[in-house]
Amino acid sequence: MHKTIRTLALILISTGLISGCASSKSRVFGKDMPSMKVIHDSRFQKEDAVPLEKPLREVQLKEPVTDSDFQWLPNPTLTMYVFPHLSSAGHPVPGYSTFFRLYTQDHIAAPGETKGWE
């Protein structure tokens, strides 16, 4: 009895899902709907069609003094490539590359300290 009811419910649900996919686009949306271009143009076009101008911004040409006095000390990066392999559970792992920095933190040199690093 339970098997029959379960089978009947499964058939009804499957039929409903399949018939929902069979309807046409014009039946769902209608034929008098505007296109996406018409919707976009009506929303984002100015009425007088004058193009927008970018605001003028001041450009600072000279660098601040602190940028030239303090510089980052080099921190070499070691790149490692892991070849494709199987994990211990037998699942395939694709190949990938990763990197490690030689030092755990980046350090800033005091003024005049980077002369030997160049």
PDB file of N, CA and C in Angstrom:
ATOM      1  N   MET A   1       0.820  -1.197   0.000  1.00  0.00           N
ATOM      2  CA  MET A   1       0.000   0.000   0.000  1.00  0.00           C
ATOM      3  C   MET A   1       0.870   1.270   0.000  1.00  0.00           C
ATOM      4  N   HIS A   2       1.892   1.293   0.878  1.00  0.00           N
ATOM      5  CA  HIS A   2       2.764   2.451   0.940  1.00  0.00           C
ATOM      6  C   HIS A   2       3.581   2.599  -0.330  1.00  0.00           C
ATOM      7  N   LYS A   3       3.949   1.476  -0.924  1.00  0.00           N
ATOM      8  CA  LYS A   3       4.714   1.525  -2.167  1.00  0.00           C
ATOM      9  C   LYS A   3       3.887   2.141  -3.286  1.00  0.00           C
ATOM     10  N   THR A   4       2.632   1.826  -3.346  1.00  0.00           N
ATOM     11  CA  THR A   4       1.749   2.330  -4.391  1.00  0.00           C
ATOM     12  C   THR A   4       1.554   3.837  -4.230  1.00  0.00           C
ATOM     13  N   ILE A   5       1.343   4.288  -3.011  1.00  0.00           N
ATOM     14  CA  ILE A   5       1.141   5.712  -2.775  1.00  0.00           C
ATOM     15  C   ILE A   5       2.427   6.484  -3.097  1.00  0.00           C
ATOM     16  N   ARG A   6       3.564   5.942  -2.699  1.00  0.00           N
ATOM     17  CA  ARG A   6       4.846   6.592  -2.978  1.00  0.00           C
ATOM     18  C   ARG A   6       5.096   6.669  -4.486  1.00  0.00           C
ATOM     19  N   THR A   7       4.816   5.593  -5.195  1.00  0.00           N
ATOM     20  CA  THR A   7       5.010   5.574  -6.644  1.00  0.00           C
ATOM     21  C   THR A   7       4.071   6.563  -7.325  1.00  0.00           C
ATOM     22  N   LEU A   8       2.811   6.617  -6.898  1.00  0.00           N
ATOM     23  CA  LEU A   8       1.837   7.536  -7.476  1.00  0.00           C
ATOM     24  C   LEU A   8       2.256   8.992  -7.223  1.00  0.00           C
ATOM     25  N   ALA A   9       2.739   9.300  -6.017  1.00  0.00           N
ATOM     26  CA  ALA A   9       3.190  10.660  -5.706  1.00  0.00           C
ATOM     27  C   ALA A   9       4.400  11.034  -6.553  1.00  0.00           C
ATOM     28  N   LEU A  10       5.311  10.118  -6.738  1.00  0.00           N
ATOM     29  CA  LEU A  10       6.487  10.369  -7.561  1.00  0.00           C
ATOM     30  C   LEU A  10       6.099  10.636  -9.011  1.00  0.00           C
ATOM     31  N   ILE A  11       5.156   9.898  -9.530  1.00  0.00           N
ATOM     32  CA  ILE A  11       4.700  10.107 -10.908  1.00  0.00           C
ATOM     33  C   ILE A  11       4.028  11.473 -11.049  1.00  0.00           C
ATOM     34  N   LEU A  12       3.196  11.867 -10.084  1.00  0.00           N
ATOM     35  CA  LEU A  12       2.521  13.166 -10.152  1.00  0.00           C
ATOM     36  C   LEU A  12       3.527  14.321 -10.075  1.00  0.00           C
ATOM     37  N   ILE A  13       4.501  14.207  -9.210  1.00  0.00           N
ATOM     38  CA  ILE A  13       5.510  15.263  -9.095  1.00  0.00           C
ATOM     39  C   ILE A  13       6.331  15.360 -10.369  1.00  0.00           C
ATOM     40  N   SER A  14       6.735  14.225 -10.920  1.00  0.00           N
ATOM     41  CA  SER A  14       7.513  14.225 -12.167  1.00  0.00           C
ATOM     42  C   SER A  14       6.719  14.820 -13.316  1.00  0.00           C
ATOM     43  N   THR A  15       5.450  14.483 -13.411  1.00  0.00           N
ATOM     44  CA  THR A  15       4.599  15.025 -14.474  1.00  0.00           C
ATOM     45  C   THR A  15       4.461  16.538 -14.329  1.00  0.00           C
ATOM     46  N   GLY A  16       4.308  17.034 -13.113  1.00  0.00           N
ATOM     47  CA  GLY A  16       4.200  18.475 -12.893  1.00  0.00           C
ATOM     48  C   GLY A  16       5.471  19.205 -13.265  1.00  0.00           C
ATOM     49  N   LEU A  17       6.622  18.631 -12.923  1.00  0.00           N
ATOM     50  CA  LEU A  17       7.883  19.273 -13.266  1.00  0.00           C
ATOM     51  C   LEU A  17       8.118  19.291 -14.773  1.00  0.00           C
ATOM     52  N   ILE A  18       7.805  18.205 -15.435  1.00  0.00           N
ATOM     53  CA  ILE A  18       8.012  18.133 -16.886  1.00  0.00           C
ATOM     54  C   ILE A  18       7.063  19.072 -17.616  1.00  0.00           C
ATOM     55  N   SER A  19       5.827  19.172 -17.181  1.00  0.00           N
ATOM     56  CA  SER A  19       4.882  20.061 -17.862  1.00  0.00           C
ATOM     57  C   SER A  19       5.231  21.525 -17.624  1.00  0.00           C
ATOM     58  N   GLY A  20       5.852  21.853 -16.494  1.00  0.00           N
ATOM     59  CA  GLY A  20       6.275  23.229 -16.248  1.00  0.00           C
ATOM     60  C   GLY A  20       7.352  23.659 -17.215  1.00  0.00           C
ATOM     61  N   CYS A  21       8.227  22.756 -17.609  1.00  0.00           N
ATOM     62  CA  CYS A  21       9.294  23.075 -18.547  1.00  0.00           C
ATOM     63  C   CYS A  21       8.807  23.127 -19.993  1.00  0.00           C
ATOM     64  N   ALA A  22       7.623  22.616 -20.248  1.00  0.00           N
ATOM     65  CA  ALA A  22       7.139  22.542 -21.621  1.00  0.00           C
ATOM     66  C   ALA A  22       6.404  23.796 -22.073  1.00  0.00           C
ATOM     67  N   SER A  23       6.132  24.757 -21.171  1.00  0.00           N
ATOM     68  CA  SER A  23       5.395  25.949 -21.574  1.00  0.00           C
ATOM     69  C   SER A  23       6.286  26.869 -22.416  1.00  0.00           C
ATOM     70  N   SER A  24       5.662  27.634 -23.288  1.00  0.00           N
ATOM     71  CA  SER A  24       6.418  28.509 -24.185  1.00  0.00           C
ATOM     72  C   SER A  24       6.731  29.844 -23.495  1.00  0.00           C
ATOM     73  N   LYS A  25       7.737  30.534 -24.001  1.00  0.00           N
ATOM     74  CA  LYS A  25       8.163  31.814 -23.441  1.00  0.00           C
ATOM     75  C   LYS A  25       7.088  32.882 -23.618  1.00  0.00           C
ATOM     76  N   SER A  26       6.435  32.884 -24.755  1.00  0.00           N
ATOM     77  CA  SER A  26       5.408  33.896 -25.010  1.00  0.00           C
ATOM     78  C   SER A  26       4.191  33.693 -24.112  1.00  0.00           C
ATOM     79  N   ARG A  27       3.924  32.450 -23.728  1.00  0.00           N
ATOM     80  CA  ARG A  27       2.793  32.179 -22.845  1.00  0.00           C
ATOM     81  C   ARG A  27       3.088  32.648 -21.414  1.00  0.00           C
ATOM     82  N   VAL A  28       4.359  32.566 -21.015  1.00  0.00           N
ATOM     83  CA  VAL A  28       4.728  32.966 -19.665  1.00  0.00           C
ATOM     84  C   VAL A  28       4.895  34.476 -19.577  1.00  0.00           C
ATOM     85  N   PHE A  29       5.610  35.096 -20.511  1.00  0.00           N
ATOM     86  CA  PHE A  29       5.939  36.508 -20.432  1.00  0.00           C
ATOM     87  C   PHE A  29       4.993  37.412 -21.211  1.00  0.00           C
ATOM     88  N   GLY A  30       4.331  36.935 -22.194  1.00  0.00           N
ATOM     89  CA  GLY A  30       3.472  37.771 -23.029  1.00  0.00           C
ATOM     90  C   GLY A  30       4.231  38.260 -24.249  1.00  0.00           C
ATOM     91  N   LYS A  31       3.505  38.714 -25.259  1.00  0.00           N
ATOM     92  CA  LYS A  31       4.142  39.130 -26.510  1.00  0.00           C
ATOM     93  C   LYS A  31       4.406  40.629 -26.561  1.00  0.00           C
ATOM     94  N   ASP A  32       3.802  41.413 -25.671  1.00  0.00           N
ATOM     95  CA  ASP A  32       3.948  42.859 -25.731  1.00  0.00           C
ATOM     96  C   ASP A  32       5.015  43.389 -24.769  1.00  0.00           C
ATOM     97  N   MET A  33       5.891  42.544 -24.262  1.00  0.00           N
ATOM     98  CA  MET A  33       6.930  42.984 -23.336  1.00  0.00           C
ATOM     99  C   MET A  33       8.062  43.664 -24.087  1.00  0.00           C
ATOM    100  N   PRO A  34       8.652  44.738 -23.514  1.00  0.00           N
ATOM    101  CA  PRO A  34       9.769  45.419 -24.180  1.00  0.00           C
ATOM    102  C   PRO A  34      11.047  44.577 -24.105  1.00  0.00           C
ATOM    103  N   SER A  35      11.955  44.844 -25.023  1.00  0.00           N
ATOM    104  CA  SER A  35      13.228  44.117 -25.023  1.00  0.00           C
ATOM    105  C   SER A  35      14.145  44.690 -23.943  1.00  0.00           C
ATOM    106  N   MET A  36      15.231  43.997 -23.649  1.00  0.00           N
ATOM    107  CA  MET A  36      16.179  44.464 -22.637  1.00  0.00           C
ATOM    108  C   MET A  36      16.838  45.778 -23.052  1.00  0.00           C
ATOM    109  N   LYS A  37      17.067  45.967 -24.342  1.00  0.00           N
ATOM    110  CA  LYS A  37      17.667  47.219 -24.817  1.00  0.00           C
ATOM    111  C   LYS A  37      16.751  48.402 -24.556  1.00  0.00           C
ATOM    112  N   VAL A  38      15.470  48.223 -24.787  1.00  0.00           N
ATOM    113  CA  VAL A  38      14.513  49.302 -24.548  1.00  0.00           C
ATOM    114  C   VAL A  38      14.447  49.621 -23.053  1.00  0.00           C
ATOM    115  N   ILE A  39      14.454  48.595 -22.205  1.00  0.00           N
ATOM    116  CA  ILE A  39      14.430  48.817 -20.755  1.00  0.00           C
ATOM    117  C   ILE A  39      15.685  49.550 -20.310  1.00  0.00           C
ATOM    118  N   HIS A  40      16.847  49.135 -20.799  1.00  0.00           N
ATOM    119  CA  HIS A  40      18.116  49.768 -20.430  1.00  0.00           C
ATOM    120  C   HIS A  40      18.148  51.222 -20.878  1.00  0.00           C
ATOM    121  N   ASP A  41      17.774  51.469 -22.129  1.00  0.00           N
ATOM    122  CA  ASP A  41      17.814  52.834 -22.652  1.00  0.00           C
ATOM    123  C   ASP A  41      16.854  53.751 -21.904  1.00  0.00           C
ATOM    124  N   SER A  42      15.709  53.253 -21.503  1.00  0.00           N
ATOM    125  CA  SER A  42      14.756  54.094 -20.781  1.00  0.00           C
ATOM    126  C   SER A  42      15.237  54.401 -19.367  1.00  0.00           C
ATOM    127  N   ARG A  43      16.019  53.522 -18.769  1.00  0.00           N
ATOM    128  CA  ARG A  43      16.503  53.728 -17.405  1.00  0.00           C
ATOM    129  C   ARG A  43      17.758  54.591 -17.342  1.00  0.00           C
ATOM    130  N   PHE A  44      18.691  54.394 -18.265  1.00  0.00           N
ATOM    131  CA  PHE A  44      20.018  54.963 -18.129  1.00  0.00           C
ATOM    132  C   PHE A  44      20.358  56.061 -19.122  1.00  0.00           C
ATOM    133  N   GLN A  45      19.433  56.532 -19.903  1.00  0.00           N
ATOM    134  CA  GLN A  45      19.709  57.615 -20.820  1.00  0.00           C
ATOM    135  C   GLN A  45      19.153  58.908 -20.254  1.00  0.00           C
ATOM    136  N   LYS A  46      19.983  59.967 -20.340  1.00  0.00           N
ATOM    137  CA  LYS A  46      19.492  61.264 -19.898  1.00  0.00           C
ATOM    138  C   LYS A  46      18.488  61.784 -20.931  1.00  0.00           C
ATOM    139  N   GLU A  47      17.604  62.632 -20.472  1.00  0.00           N
ATOM    140  CA  GLU A  47      16.574  63.143 -21.370  1.00  0.00           C
ATOM    141  C   GLU A  47      17.149  64.019 -22.467  1.00  0.00           C
ATOM    142  N   ASP A  48      18.152  64.853 -22.152  1.00  0.00           N
ATOM    143  CA  ASP A  48      18.709  65.728 -23.173  1.00  0.00           C
ATOM    144  C   ASP A  48      19.883  65.085 -23.905  1.00  0.00           C
ATOM    145  N   ALA A  49      20.242  63.858 -23.560  1.00  0.00           N
ATOM    146  CA  ALA A  49      21.286  63.073 -24.237  1.00  0.00           C
ATOM    147  C   ALA A  49      22.643  63.769 -24.264  1.00  0.00           C
ATOM    148  N   VAL A  50      22.969  64.537 -23.209  1.00  0.00           N
ATOM    149  CA  VAL A  50      24.275  65.176 -23.102  1.00  0.00           C
ATOM    150  C   VAL A  50      25.197  64.199 -22.374  1.00  0.00           C
ATOM    151  N   PRO A  51      26.371  63.893 -22.942  1.00  0.00           N
ATOM    152  CA  PRO A  51      27.253  62.942 -22.264  1.00  0.00           C
ATOM    153  C   PRO A  51      27.783  63.525 -20.953  1.00  0.00           C
ATOM    154  N   LEU A  52      27.982  62.656 -19.984  1.00  0.00           N
ATOM    155  CA  LEU A  52      28.486  63.089 -18.687  1.00  0.00           C
ATOM    156  C   LEU A  52      29.966  63.426 -18.787  1.00  0.00           C
ATOM    157  N   GLU A  53      30.395  64.410 -18.019  1.00  0.00           N
ATOM    158  CA  GLU A  53      31.797  64.807 -18.013  1.00  0.00           C
ATOM    159  C   GLU A  53      32.453  64.326 -16.732  1.00  0.00           C
ATOM    160  N   LYS A  54      33.707  63.906 -16.842  1.00  0.00           N
ATOM    161  CA  LYS A  54      34.443  63.488 -15.655  1.00  0.00           C
ATOM    162  C   LYS A  54      34.868  64.718 -14.864  1.00  0.00           C
ATOM    163  N   PRO A  55      34.810  64.640 -13.546  1.00  0.00           N
ATOM    164  CA  PRO A  55      35.274  65.782 -12.759  1.00  0.00           C
ATOM    165  C   PRO A  55      36.789  65.900 -12.827  1.00  0.00           C
ATOM    166  N   LEU A  56      37.275  67.133 -12.785  1.00  0.00           N
ATOM    167  CA  LEU A  56      38.714  67.365 -12.813  1.00  0.00           C
ATOM    168  C   LEU A  56      39.287  67.083 -11.436  1.00  0.00           C
ATOM    169  N   ARG A  57      40.434  66.420 -11.402  1.00  0.00           N
ATOM    170  CA  ARG A  57      41.080  66.097 -10.135  1.00  0.00           C
ATOM    171  C   ARG A  57      42.500  66.629 -10.149  1.00  0.00           C
ATOM    172  N   GLU A  58      42.956  67.046  -8.989  1.00  0.00           N
ATOM    173  CA  GLU A  58      44.332  67.505  -8.874  1.00  0.00           C
ATOM    174  C   GLU A  58      45.250  66.290  -8.823  1.00  0.00           C
ATOM    175  N   VAL A  59      46.378  66.406  -9.499  1.00  0.00           N
ATOM    176  CA  VAL A  59      47.356  65.334  -9.513  1.00  0.00           C
ATOM    177  C   VAL A  59      48.586  65.807  -8.771  1.00  0.00           C
ATOM    178  N   GLN A  60      49.003  65.024  -7.780  1.00  0.00           N
ATOM    179  CA  GLN A  60      50.190  65.379  -7.029  1.00  0.00           C
ATOM    180  C   GLN A  60      51.393  64.762  -7.731  1.00  0.00           C
ATOM    181  N   LEU A  61      52.275  65.594  -8.227  1.00  0.00           N
ATOM    182  CA  LEU A  61      53.404  65.118  -9.012  1.00  0.00           C
ATOM    183  C   LEU A  61      54.610  64.773  -8.146  1.00  0.00           C
ATOM    184  N   LYS A  62      54.801  65.465  -7.051  1.00  0.00           N
ATOM    185  CA  LYS A  62      55.963  65.236  -6.216  1.00  0.00           C
ATOM    186  C   LYS A  62      55.634  64.203  -5.140  1.00  0.00           C
ATOM    187  N   GLU A  63      56.527  63.205  -4.958  1.00  0.00           N
ATOM    188  CA  GLU A  63      56.321  62.191  -3.944  1.00  0.00           C
ATOM    189  C   GLU A  63      56.627  62.764  -2.572  1.00  0.00           C
ATOM    190  N   PRO A  64      55.927  62.300  -1.563  1.00  0.00           N
ATOM    191  CA  PRO A  64      56.266  62.750  -0.216  1.00  0.00           C
ATOM    192  C   PRO A  64      57.671  62.266   0.166  1.00  0.00           C
ATOM    193  N   VAL A  65      58.299  62.969   1.080  1.00  0.00           N
ATOM    194  CA  VAL A  65      59.677  62.668   1.477  1.00  0.00           C
ATOM    195  C   VAL A  65      59.755  61.319   2.156  1.00  0.00           C
ATOM    196  N   THR A  66      58.740  60.928   2.894  1.00  0.00           N
ATOM    197  CA  THR A  66      58.794  59.674   3.646  1.00  0.00           C
ATOM    198  C   THR A  66      58.869  58.460   2.730  1.00  0.00           C
ATOM    199  N   ASP A  67      58.289  58.531   1.519  1.00  0.00           N
ATOM    200  CA  ASP A  67      58.339  57.393   0.608  1.00  0.00           C
ATOM    201  C   ASP A  67      59.758  57.109   0.137  1.00  0.00           C
ATOM    202  N   SER A  68      60.562  58.134  -0.045  1.00  0.00           N
ATOM    203  CA  SER A  68      61.920  57.903  -0.519  1.00  0.00           C
ATOM    204  C   SER A  68      62.868  57.561   0.626  1.00  0.00           C
ATOM    205  N   ASP A  69      62.544  57.960   1.848  1.00  0.00           N
ATOM    206  CA  ASP A  69      63.415  57.669   2.983  1.00  0.00           C
ATOM    207  C   ASP A  69      63.271  56.230   3.473  1.00  0.00           C
ATOM    208  N   PHE A  70      62.064  55.716   3.542  1.00  0.00           N
ATOM    209  CA  PHE A  70      61.816  54.378   4.075  1.00  0.00           C
ATOM    210  C   PHE A  70      61.419  53.441   2.944  1.00  0.00           C
ATOM    211  N   GLN A  71      62.143  52.352   2.797  1.00  0.00           N
ATOM    212  CA  GLN A  71      61.859  51.388   1.731  1.00  0.00           C
ATOM    213  C   GLN A  71      61.731  49.995   2.341  1.00  0.00           C
ATOM    214  N   TRP A  72      61.067  49.111   1.610  1.00  0.00           N
ATOM    215  CA  TRP A  72      60.904  47.735   2.070  1.00  0.00           C
ATOM    216  C   TRP A  72      62.201  46.969   1.838  1.00  0.00           C
ATOM    217  N   LEU A  73      62.595  46.185   2.832  1.00  0.00           N
ATOM    218  CA  LEU A  73      63.721  45.280   2.638  1.00  0.00           C
ATOM    219  C   LEU A  73      63.253  44.106   1.800  1.00  0.00           C
ATOM    220  N   PRO A  74      64.127  43.552   0.959  1.00  0.00           N
ATOM    221  CA  PRO A  74      63.691  42.438   0.122  1.00  0.00           C
ATOM    222  C   PRO A  74      63.338  41.210   0.959  1.00  0.00           C
ATOM    223  N   ASN A  75      62.280  40.537   0.561  1.00  0.00           N
ATOM    224  CA  ASN A  75      61.844  39.302   1.207  1.00  0.00           C
ATOM    225  C   ASN A  75      61.674  38.270   0.095  1.00  0.00           C
ATOM    226  N   PRO A  76      62.700  37.440  -0.171  1.00  0.00           N
ATOM    227  CA  PRO A  76      62.632  36.507  -1.297  1.00  0.00           C
ATOM    228  C   PRO A  76      61.449  35.550  -1.182  1.00  0.00           C
ATOM    229  N   THR A  77      60.886  35.208  -2.328  1.00  0.00           N
ATOM    230  CA  THR A  77      59.752  34.295  -2.390  1.00  0.00           C
ATOM    231  C   THR A  77      60.208  32.992  -3.022  1.00  0.00           C
ATOM    232  N   LEU A  78      59.929  31.892  -2.353  1.00  0.00           N
ATOM    233  CA  LEU A  78      60.239  30.566  -2.879  1.00  0.00           C
ATOM    234  C   LEU A  78      58.962  29.987  -3.465  1.00  0.00           C
ATOM    235  N   THR A  79      59.003  29.586  -4.729  1.00  0.00           N
ATOM    236  CA  THR A  79      57.841  29.016  -5.391  1.00  0.00           C
ATOM    237  C   THR A  79      57.982  27.499  -5.425  1.00  0.00           C
ATOM    238  N   MET A  80      56.894  26.801  -5.068  1.00  0.00           N
ATOM    239  CA  MET A  80      56.903  25.341  -5.053  1.00  0.00           C
ATOM    240  C   MET A  80      55.766  24.843  -5.934  1.00  0.00           C
ATOM    241  N   TYR A  81      56.050  23.847  -6.749  1.00  0.00           N
ATOM    242  CA  TYR A  81      55.030  23.244  -7.590  1.00  0.00           C
ATOM    243  C   TYR A  81      54.721  21.854  -7.047  1.00  0.00           C
ATOM    244  N   VAL A  82      53.438  21.582  -6.810  1.00  0.00           N
ATOM    245  CA  VAL A  82      52.995  20.273  -6.343  1.00  0.00           C
ATOM    246  C   VAL A  82      52.427  19.545  -7.558  1.00  0.00           C
ATOM    247  N   PHE A  83      53.012  18.407  -7.882  1.00  0.00           N
ATOM    248  CA  PHE A  83      52.586  17.647  -9.044  1.00  0.00           C
ATOM    249  C   PHE A  83      51.245  16.967  -8.777  1.00  0.00           C
ATOM    250  N   PRO A  84      50.474  16.664  -9.823  1.00  0.00           N
ATOM    251  CA  PRO A  84      49.216  15.939  -9.626  1.00  0.00           C
ATOM    252  C   PRO A  84      49.491  14.596  -8.957  1.00  0.00           C
ATOM    253  N   HIS A  85      48.641  14.248  -7.993  1.00  0.00           N
ATOM    254  CA  HIS A  85      48.854  13.016  -7.251  1.00  0.00           C
ATOM    255  C   HIS A  85      47.528  12.524  -6.681  1.00  0.00           C
ATOM    256  N   LEU A  86      47.564  11.359  -6.046  1.00  0.00           N
ATOM    257  CA  LEU A  86      46.403  10.810  -5.366  1.00  0.00           C
ATOM    258  C   LEU A  86      46.551  11.062  -3.873  1.00  0.00           C
ATOM    259  N   SER A  87      45.451  11.429  -3.218  1.00  0.00           N
ATOM    260  CA  SER A  87      45.503  11.650  -1.780  1.00  0.00           C
ATOM    261  C   SER A  87      45.575  10.314  -1.061  1.00  0.00           C
ATOM    262  N   SER A  88      45.716  10.356   0.249  1.00  0.00           N
ATOM    263  CA  SER A  88      45.803   9.108   1.012  1.00  0.00           C
ATOM    264  C   SER A  88      44.501   8.318   0.941  1.00  0.00           C
ATOM    265  N   ALA A  89      43.373   8.997   0.672  1.00  0.00           N
ATOM    266  CA  ALA A  89      42.089   8.315   0.531  1.00  0.00           C
ATOM    267  C   ALA A  89      41.855   7.833  -0.900  1.00  0.00           C
ATOM    268  N   GLY A  90      42.784   8.141  -1.815  1.00  0.00           N
ATOM    269  CA  GLY A  90      42.662   7.685  -3.197  1.00  0.00           C
ATOM    270  C   GLY A  90      42.003   8.674  -4.130  1.00  0.00           C
ATOM    271  N   HIS A  91      41.742   9.900  -3.673  1.00  0.00           N
ATOM    272  CA  HIS A  91      41.111  10.922  -4.519  1.00  0.00           C
ATOM    273  C   HIS A  91      42.184  11.671  -5.309  1.00  0.00           C
ATOM    274  N   PRO A  92      41.905  11.999  -6.583  1.00  0.00           N
ATOM    275  CA  PRO A  92      42.909  12.731  -7.369  1.00  0.00           C
ATOM    276  C   PRO A  92      43.021  14.189  -6.929  1.00  0.00           C
ATOM    277  N   VAL A  93      44.239  14.689  -6.846  1.00  0.00           N
ATOM    278  CA  VAL A  93      44.514  16.082  -6.502  1.00  0.00           C
ATOM    279  C   VAL A  93      45.222  16.703  -7.704  1.00  0.00           C
ATOM    280  N   PRO A  94      44.687  17.787  -8.294  1.00  0.00           N
ATOM    281  CA  PRO A  94      45.343  18.393  -9.456  1.00  0.00           C
ATOM    282  C   PRO A  94      46.641  19.091  -9.046  1.00  0.00           C
ATOM    283  N   GLY A  95      47.514  19.317 -10.007  1.00  0.00           N
ATOM    284  CA  GLY A  95      48.754  20.019  -9.735  1.00  0.00           C
ATOM    285  C   GLY A  95      48.504  21.502  -9.493  1.00  0.00           C
ATOM    286  N   TYR A  96      49.292  22.087  -8.628  1.00  0.00           N
ATOM    287  CA  TYR A  96      49.151  23.505  -8.323  1.00  0.00           C
ATOM    288  C   TYR A  96      50.488  24.057  -7.875  1.00  0.00           C
ATOM    289  N   SER A  97      50.609  25.373  -7.885  1.00  0.00           N
ATOM    290  CA  SER A  97      51.827  26.000  -7.387  1.00  0.00           C
ATOM    291  C   SER A  97      51.468  26.874  -6.195  1.00  0.00           C
ATOM    292  N   THR A  98      52.400  26.985  -5.274  1.00  0.00           N
ATOM    293  CA  THR A  98      52.222  27.817  -4.093  1.00  0.00           C
ATOM    294  C   THR A  98      53.536  28.521  -3.815  1.00  0.00           C
ATOM    295  N   PHE A  99      53.527  29.504  -2.942  1.00  0.00           N
ATOM    296  CA  PHE A  99      54.760  30.218  -2.656  1.00  0.00           C
ATOM    297  C   PHE A  99      54.923  30.403  -1.158  1.00  0.00           C
ATOM    298  N   PHE A 100      56.181  30.513  -0.749  1.00  0.00           N
ATOM    299  CA  PHE A 100      56.537  30.755   0.644  1.00  0.00           C
ATOM    300  C   PHE A 100      57.494  31.930   0.681  1.00  0.00           C
ATOM    301  N   ARG A 101      57.302  32.807   1.628  1.00  0.00           N
ATOM    302  CA  ARG A 101      58.245  33.910   1.814  1.00  0.00           C
ATOM    303  C   ARG A 101      59.353  33.442   2.748  1.00  0.00           C
ATOM    304  N   LEU A 102      60.574  33.914   2.507  1.00  0.00           N
ATOM    305  CA  LEU A 102      61.709  33.501   3.313  1.00  0.00           C
ATOM    306  C   LEU A 102      61.557  34.000   4.749  1.00  0.00           C
ATOM    307  N   TYR A 103      61.067  35.224   4.926  1.00  0.00           N
ATOM    308  CA  TYR A 103      60.837  35.776   6.254  1.00  0.00           C
ATOM    309  C   TYR A 103      59.339  35.825   6.520  1.00  0.00           C
ATOM    310  N   THR A 104      58.944  35.693   7.774  1.00  0.00           N
ATOM    311  CA  THR A 104      57.513  35.673   8.097  1.00  0.00           C
ATOM    312  C   THR A 104      56.876  37.051   7.983  1.00  0.00           C
ATOM    313  N   GLN A 105      57.663  38.126   8.156  1.00  0.00           N
ATOM    314  CA  GLN A 105      57.139  39.476   8.053  1.00  0.00           C
ATOM    315  C   GLN A 105      57.973  40.290   7.076  1.00  0.00           C
ATOM    316  N   ASP A 106      57.349  41.289   6.474  1.00  0.00           N
ATOM    317  CA  ASP A 106      58.083  42.240   5.654  1.00  0.00           C
ATOM    318  C   ASP A 106      58.600  43.342   6.578  1.00  0.00           C
ATOM    319  N   HIS A 107      59.843  43.768   6.357  1.00  0.00           N
ATOM    320  CA  HIS A 107      60.452  44.774   7.214  1.00  0.00           C
ATOM    321  C   HIS A 107      60.757  46.035   6.417  1.00  0.00           C
ATOM    322  N   ILE A 108      60.682  47.172   7.101  1.00  0.00           N
ATOM    323  CA  ILE A 108      60.986  48.459   6.493  1.00  0.00           C
ATOM    324  C   ILE A 108      62.377  48.871   6.953  1.00  0.00           C
ATOM    325  N   ALA A 109      63.180  49.326   6.007  1.00  0.00           N
ATOM    326  CA  ALA A 109      64.545  49.740   6.329  1.00  0.00           C
ATOM    327  C   ALA A 109      64.552  51.182   6.804  1.00  0.00           C
ATOM    328  N   ALA A 110      65.467  51.469   7.694  1.00  0.00           N
ATOM    329  CA  ALA A 110      65.653  52.832   8.136  1.00  0.00           C
ATOM    330  C   ALA A 110      66.348  53.625   7.027  1.00  0.00           C
ATOM    331  N   PRO A 111      66.304  54.940   7.065  1.00  0.00           N
ATOM    332  CA  PRO A 111      66.964  55.727   6.013  1.00  0.00           C
ATOM    333  C   PRO A 111      68.461  55.370   5.913  1.00  0.00           C
ATOM    334  N   GLY A 112      68.904  55.103   4.699  1.00  0.00           N
ATOM    335  CA  GLY A 112      70.295  54.763   4.450  1.00  0.00           C
ATOM    336  C   GLY A 112      70.652  53.306   4.688  1.00  0.00           C
ATOM    337  N   GLU A 113      69.716  52.481   5.154  1.00  0.00           N
ATOM    338  CA  GLU A 113      69.996  51.078   5.465  1.00  0.00           C
ATOM    339  C   GLU A 113      69.976  50.186   4.228  1.00  0.00           C
ATOM    340  N   THR A 114      69.391  50.622   3.130  1.00  0.00           N
ATOM    341  CA  THR A 114      69.248  49.771   1.948  1.00  0.00           C
ATOM    342  C   THR A 114      70.413  49.895   0.984  1.00  0.00           C
ATOM    343  N   LYS A 115      71.480  50.551   1.337  1.00  0.00           N
ATOM    344  CA  LYS A 115      72.580  50.740   0.389  1.00  0.00           C
ATOM    345  C   LYS A 115      73.239  49.429   0.016  1.00  0.00           C
ATOM    346  N   GLY A 116      73.344  48.467   0.929  1.00  0.00           N
ATOM    347  CA  GLY A 116      73.945  47.186   0.601  1.00  0.00           C
ATOM    348  C   GLY A 116      73.018  46.235  -0.124  1.00  0.00           C
ATOM    349  N   TRP A 117      71.714  46.522  -0.188  1.00  0.00           N
ATOM    350  CA  TRP A 117      70.730  45.621  -0.779  1.00  0.00           C
ATOM    351  C   TRP A 117      70.528  45.867  -2.262  1.00  0.00           C
ATOM    352  N   GLU A 118      70.993  46.951  -2.776  1.00  0.00           N
ATOM    353  CA  GLU A 118      70.694  47.338  -4.165  1.00  0.00           C
ATOM    354  C   GLU A 118      71.499  46.610  -5.177  1.00  0.00           C
TER     355      GLU A 118
END
